[in-house]
Structures are given as C-alpha cells and as structure tokens.
Amino acid sequence: MARPSKHSPERKLQVVLAVLRGEFTAAEAGRKAGVSEQSIHRWKQIFLASDRLRRQARPGVPGHSDPDRPRPLLGAQHRCRPSRRTPRPRSDSGLR
C-alpha cells in the first residue's frame, strides 16, 4: 500500500499550473515543493490525463471535445488552394 501524500491535491494543482505556465521548470518546482522532479512530471501527467478525460465526458460543451463530431479546420494553412504549378502537356508516345 502506498503511503499518503504530504501534499494536498490543491497544492499539487498549483505546482503543476505554475510549471505549465512556464513560471518554473519541473526541477525548480520540485525543489520549492520539497519533492523530486519525477514527482512533478507524474503530477503533470495525471493532471493532463484527467483534463482529457473530463473533456471527453462532456461532449457538446464549449471547450470539450466530442470524438464523433468533426472538427472545423483552423486557419488559412488548412484551406485547399489551387496549385501554382501548371501541368505539363503529356506526350502521346509515353516514352521520354
């Protein structure tokens, strides 16, 4: 059986959010919180996984994903554009 955590879920959340915002590296946050860098990375993985699960559980709510609903294309880089290159005429012989 694992021992109970010394840090509350709220404290873990504060640390993870600070790392995600770029205020601290995982190593700096670990030193400040008195835990290993590995613990910070594990907290971050758990946080991100729970957020993905929460988003999947609430389809239709803005900011939440619905895996069955097609996603709109974002930005001009995803729009189809005609080719700038003009096609070369093909010869009838088939050999070049």
C-alpha atoms as a PDB file:
ATOM      1  CA  MET A   1       0.000   0.000   0.000  1.00  0.00           C
ATOM      2  CA  ALA A   2       1.308   3.448  -0.919  1.00  0.00           C
ATOM      3  CA  ARG A   3       1.835   5.990   1.796  1.00  0.00           C
ATOM      4  CA  PRO A   4      -0.400   9.053   1.891  1.00  0.00           C
ATOM      5  CA  SER A   5       0.801  12.169   0.094  1.00  0.00           C
ATOM      6  CA  LYS A   6       2.252  15.051   2.059  1.00  0.00           C
ATOM      7  CA  HIS A   7       0.764  17.467  -0.467  1.00  0.00           C
ATOM      8  CA  SER A   8      -2.919  18.162  -0.957  1.00  0.00           C
ATOM      9  CA  PRO A   9      -4.447  17.898  -4.419  1.00  0.00           C
ATOM     10  CA  GLU A  10      -4.866  21.687  -4.400  1.00  0.00           C
ATOM     11  CA  ARG A  11      -1.143  22.200  -3.727  1.00  0.00           C
ATOM     12  CA  LYS A  12      -0.242  19.736  -6.493  1.00  0.00           C
ATOM     13  CA  LEU A  13      -2.521  21.626  -8.865  1.00  0.00           C
ATOM     14  CA  GLN A  14      -0.873  24.951  -8.004  1.00  0.00           C
ATOM     15  CA  VAL A  15       2.575  23.491  -8.672  1.00  0.00           C
ATOM     16  CA  VAL A  16       1.544  21.855 -11.955  1.00  0.00           C
ATOM     17  CA  LEU A  17      -0.129  25.018 -13.227  1.00  0.00           C
ATOM     18  CA  ALA A  18       2.985  27.058 -12.397  1.00  0.00           C
ATOM     19  CA  VAL A  19       5.092  24.603 -14.413  1.00  0.00           C
ATOM     20  CA  LEU A  20       2.644  24.649 -17.333  1.00  0.00           C
ATOM     21  CA  ARG A  21       2.601  28.462 -17.338  1.00  0.00           C
ATOM     22  CA  GLY A  22       6.403  28.428 -17.511  1.00  0.00           C
ATOM     23  CA  GLU A  23       6.931  30.157 -14.188  1.00  0.00           C
ATOM     24  CA  PHE A  24       9.227  27.329 -13.048  1.00  0.00           C
ATOM     25  CA  THR A  25      10.887  24.299 -14.567  1.00  0.00           C
ATOM     26  CA  ALA A  26       9.899  20.940 -13.115  1.00  0.00           C
ATOM     27  CA  ALA A  27      13.226  20.802 -11.256  1.00  0.00           C
ATOM     28  CA  GLU A  28      12.744  24.271  -9.737  1.00  0.00           C
ATOM     29  CA  ALA A  29       9.159  23.493  -8.751  1.00  0.00           C
ATOM     30  CA  GLY A  30      10.278  20.214  -7.199  1.00  0.00           C
ATOM     31  CA  ARG A  31      12.942  21.900  -5.091  1.00  0.00           C
ATOM     32  CA  LYS A  32      10.489  24.562  -3.998  1.00  0.00           C
ATOM     33  CA  ALA A  33       7.788  21.988  -3.080  1.00  0.00           C
ATOM     34  CA  GLY A  34      10.255  19.576  -1.488  1.00  0.00           C
ATOM     35  CA  VAL A  35       9.640  16.703  -3.925  1.00  0.00           C
ATOM     36  CA  SER A  36      11.572  15.131  -6.763  1.00  0.00           C
ATOM     37  CA  GLU A  37      11.441  16.333 -10.353  1.00  0.00           C
ATOM     38  CA  GLN A  38       9.934  12.944 -11.231  1.00  0.00           C
ATOM     39  CA  SER A  39       7.039  13.623  -8.879  1.00  0.00           C
ATOM     40  CA  ILE A  40       6.336  16.923 -10.625  1.00  0.00           C
ATOM     41  CA  HIS A  41       6.309  15.192 -14.016  1.00  0.00           C
ATOM     42  CA  ARG A  42       3.989  12.488 -12.656  1.00  0.00           C
ATOM     43  CA  TRP A  43       1.601  15.098 -11.198  1.00  0.00           C
ATOM     44  CA  LYS A  44       1.631  16.867 -14.551  1.00  0.00           C
ATOM     45  CA  GLN A  45       0.834  13.647 -16.443  1.00  0.00           C
ATOM     46  CA  ILE A  46      -2.040  12.874 -14.072  1.00  0.00           C
ATOM     47  CA  PHE A  47      -3.381  16.413 -14.408  1.00  0.00           C
ATOM     48  CA  LEU A  48      -3.252  16.380 -18.221  1.00  0.00           C
ATOM     49  CA  ALA A  49      -4.808  12.899 -18.422  1.00  0.00           C
ATOM     50  CA  SER A  50      -7.671  13.879 -16.109  1.00  0.00           C
ATOM     51  CA  ASP A  51      -8.294  17.000 -18.195  1.00  0.00           C
ATOM     52  CA  ARG A  52      -8.531  14.897 -21.370  1.00  0.00           C
ATOM     53  CA  LEU A  53     -10.973  12.521 -19.652  1.00  0.00           C
ATOM     54  CA  ARG A  54     -13.073  15.429 -18.402  1.00  0.00           C
ATOM     55  CA  ARG A  55     -13.247  16.899 -21.902  1.00  0.00           C
ATOM     56  CA  GLN A  56     -14.360  13.570 -23.388  1.00  0.00           C
ATOM     57  CA  ALA A  57     -17.016  13.118 -20.713  1.00  0.00           C
ATOM     58  CA  ARG A  58     -18.778  16.394 -21.550  1.00  0.00           C
ATOM     59  CA  PRO A  59     -19.465  16.462 -25.302  1.00  0.00           C
ATOM     60  CA  GLY A  60     -21.228  19.485 -26.689  1.00  0.00           C
ATOM     61  CA  VAL A  61     -19.910  21.833 -24.016  1.00  0.00           C
ATOM     62  CA  PRO A  62     -17.629  24.551 -25.437  1.00  0.00           C
ATOM     63  CA  GLY A  63     -14.005  23.698 -24.787  1.00  0.00           C
ATOM     64  CA  HIS A  64     -14.763  19.997 -24.583  1.00  0.00           C
ATOM     65  CA  SER A  65     -14.115  17.564 -27.375  1.00  0.00           C
ATOM     66  CA  ASP A  66     -16.618  15.190 -28.887  1.00  0.00           C
ATOM     67  CA  PRO A  67     -14.811  12.384 -30.720  1.00  0.00           C
ATOM     68  CA  ASP A  68     -17.801  11.769 -33.052  1.00  0.00           C
ATOM     69  CA  ARG A  69     -18.157  15.395 -34.140  1.00  0.00           C
ATOM     70  CA  PRO A  70     -15.890  16.514 -36.997  1.00  0.00           C
ATOM     71  CA  ARG A  71     -13.547  19.305 -36.051  1.00  0.00           C
ATOM     72  CA  PRO A  72     -13.544  22.506 -38.098  1.00  0.00           C
ATOM     73  CA  LEU A  73     -10.392  23.333 -39.995  1.00  0.00           C
ATOM     74  CA  LEU A  74      -8.399  26.103 -38.385  1.00  0.00           C
ATOM     75  CA  GLY A  75      -6.661  28.908 -40.189  1.00  0.00           C
ATOM     76  CA  ALA A  76      -5.789  29.550 -43.790  1.00  0.00           C
ATOM     77  CA  GLN A  77      -2.999  26.970 -43.783  1.00  0.00           C
ATOM     78  CA  HIS A  78      -5.613  24.211 -43.844  1.00  0.00           C
ATOM     79  CA  ARG A  79      -7.653  25.582 -46.729  1.00  0.00           C
ATOM     80  CA  CYS A  80      -7.298  23.978 -50.119  1.00  0.00           C
ATOM     81  CA  ARG A  81      -5.562  26.155 -52.652  1.00  0.00           C
ATOM     82  CA  PRO A  82      -5.107  25.541 -56.354  1.00  0.00           C
ATOM     83  CA  SER A  83      -1.629  24.516 -57.313  1.00  0.00           C
ATOM     84  CA  ARG A  84       0.640  27.291 -58.526  1.00  0.00           C
ATOM     85  CA  ARG A  85       2.276  24.912 -60.921  1.00  0.00           C
ATOM     86  CA  THR A  86       0.642  24.406 -64.313  1.00  0.00           C
ATOM     87  CA  PRO A  87       0.545  20.820 -65.517  1.00  0.00           C
ATOM     88  CA  ARG A  88       2.883  19.882 -68.350  1.00  0.00           C
ATOM     89  CA  PRO A  89       1.290  18.550 -71.501  1.00  0.00           C
ATOM     90  CA  ARG A  90       1.814  14.807 -71.842  1.00  0.00           C
ATOM     91  CA  SER A  91       3.247  13.305 -74.936  1.00  0.00           C
ATOM     92  CA  ASP A  92       1.318  10.543 -76.688  1.00  0.00           C
ATOM     93  CA  SER A  93       4.372   8.287 -77.041  1.00  0.00           C
ATOM     94  CA  GLY A  94       4.587   7.518 -73.335  1.00  0.00           C
ATOM     95  CA  LEU A  95       8.409   7.346 -73.524  1.00  0.00           C
ATOM     96  CA  ARG A  96      10.818  10.151 -72.830  1.00  0.00           C
END
